[in-house]
Amino acid sequence: MRIAIIVGMAIMTYLIRVVPQVFFVGLSFPEGLDRYLRYLAYALIAGIISTSLFLSGSHFEAAVAPQRALALLAAVIVASWSGRSLLGMLVGTLISLAFPYFS
């Protein structure tokens, strides 16, 4: 069921970004709409990831929340500093995986 939800959200995100480009071929978007469409996928992915980081089923995982919040913050900082979202995700993943070894 989770896979179906993820695939459905991916399709909706893709459609939100593609439909304006298909129907308005050759037209330029206003700066605000262009910026909105450019960052929409990142915002949706961040919402999905942050929810899955802190919840297990319907329960909040308080024991690991500070470590995961730090990993999320590091990922956002690295991604915005470098301009590479993949690098930010890699750093955040490595930090979250390293915390059990420091506990």
Protein backbone atom coordinates (compact mmCIF):
# COMPACT_ATOMS: atom_id res chain seq x y z
CA MET A 1 0.00 0.00 0.00
CA ARG A 2 2.87 2.38 0.79
CA ILE A 3 4.36 1.83 -2.65
CA ALA A 4 1.01 2.69 -4.27
CA ILE A 5 0.79 5.89 -2.22
CA ILE A 6 4.35 6.89 -3.14
CA VAL A 7 3.77 6.17 -6.83
CA GLY A 8 0.48 8.08 -6.76
CA MET A 9 2.16 11.08 -5.13
CA ALA A 10 4.98 10.94 -7.67
CA ILE A 11 2.51 10.94 -10.55
CA MET A 12 0.58 13.87 -9.08
CA THR A 13 3.79 15.83 -8.53
CA TYR A 14 4.87 15.14 -12.08
CA LEU A 15 1.47 16.18 -13.47
CA ILE A 16 1.48 19.41 -11.47
CA ARG A 17 4.79 20.34 -13.05
CA VAL A 18 4.16 19.05 -16.59
CA VAL A 19 0.57 20.14 -17.30
CA PRO A 20 1.34 23.90 -17.38
CA GLN A 21 4.27 23.27 -19.73
CA VAL A 22 2.15 21.15 -22.09
CA PHE A 23 -0.80 23.54 -22.25
CA PHE A 24 1.26 26.72 -22.41
CA VAL A 25 3.94 25.71 -24.93
CA GLY A 26 5.90 28.70 -26.17
CA LEU A 27 4.62 31.05 -23.47
CA SER A 28 6.78 32.26 -20.63
CA PHE A 29 5.51 32.01 -17.09
CA PRO A 30 5.51 34.89 -14.64
CA GLU A 31 8.52 34.74 -12.33
CA GLY A 32 6.43 33.77 -9.30
CA LEU A 33 4.73 30.85 -11.06
CA ASP A 34 8.01 29.68 -12.54
CA ARG A 35 9.63 29.68 -9.10
CA TYR A 36 6.59 27.87 -7.65
CA LEU A 37 6.74 25.10 -10.26
CA ARG A 38 10.51 24.79 -9.91
CA TYR A 39 10.41 24.19 -6.15
CA LEU A 40 7.10 22.33 -5.84
CA ALA A 41 8.60 18.87 -6.22
CA TYR A 42 11.25 19.63 -3.58
CA ALA A 43 8.61 20.84 -1.16
CA LEU A 44 6.46 17.75 -1.64
CA ILE A 45 9.43 15.41 -1.24
CA ALA A 46 10.53 17.26 1.91
CA GLY A 47 7.03 16.82 3.34
CA ILE A 48 7.07 13.10 2.64
CA ILE A 49 10.56 12.60 4.02
CA SER A 50 10.05 14.66 7.17
CA THR A 51 6.85 12.78 7.98
CA SER A 52 8.51 9.41 7.51
CA LEU A 53 11.52 10.50 9.55
CA PHE A 54 9.59 11.23 12.71
CA LEU A 55 6.63 8.84 12.55
CA SER A 56 6.46 5.09 12.72
CA GLY A 57 2.93 4.12 11.79
CA SER A 58 0.89 6.62 13.77
CA HIS A 59 3.41 6.98 16.61
CA PHE A 60 5.94 9.76 17.04
CA GLU A 61 9.45 8.38 17.60
CA ALA A 62 10.66 10.72 20.35
CA ALA A 63 13.86 8.80 21.11
CA VAL A 64 15.42 9.36 17.70
CA ALA A 65 13.76 12.67 16.80
CA PRO A 66 16.71 14.93 17.80
CA GLN A 67 19.22 12.92 15.77
CA ARG A 68 16.94 12.76 12.75
CA ALA A 69 16.18 16.48 13.00
CA LEU A 70 19.91 17.19 12.99
CA ALA A 71 20.38 14.96 9.94
CA LEU A 72 17.49 16.72 8.18
CA LEU A 73 18.92 20.14 9.02
CA ALA A 74 22.37 19.11 7.75
CA ALA A 75 20.84 17.80 4.52
CA VAL A 76 18.97 21.06 3.92
CA ILE A 77 22.05 23.17 4.65
CA VAL A 78 24.33 21.11 2.39
CA ALA A 79 21.76 21.05 -0.43
CA SER A 80 21.17 24.79 -0.31
CA TRP A 81 24.88 25.63 0.08
CA SER A 82 26.04 23.36 -2.76
CA GLY A 83 22.98 23.68 -4.99
CA ARG A 84 22.88 19.89 -5.27
CA SER A 85 19.89 18.22 -3.68
CA LEU A 86 21.34 14.74 -4.16
CA LEU A 87 24.44 15.69 -2.18
CA GLY A 88 22.22 17.01 0.61
CA MET A 89 20.21 13.79 0.70
CA LEU A 90 23.43 11.75 0.80
CA VAL A 91 24.84 13.77 3.70
CA GLY A 92 21.57 13.55 5.63
CA THR A 93 21.40 9.80 5.08
CA LEU A 94 24.98 9.27 6.18
CA ILE A 95 24.46 11.34 9.32
CA SER A 96 21.27 9.50 10.25
CA LEU A 97 22.95 6.14 9.67
CA ALA A 98 26.00 7.16 11.73
CA PHE A 99 24.05 8.11 14.87
CA PRO A 100 23.52 4.54 16.17
CA TYR A 101 27.31 4.15 16.25
CA PHE A 102 27.70 7.24 18.47
CA SER A 103 24.96 6.31 20.94
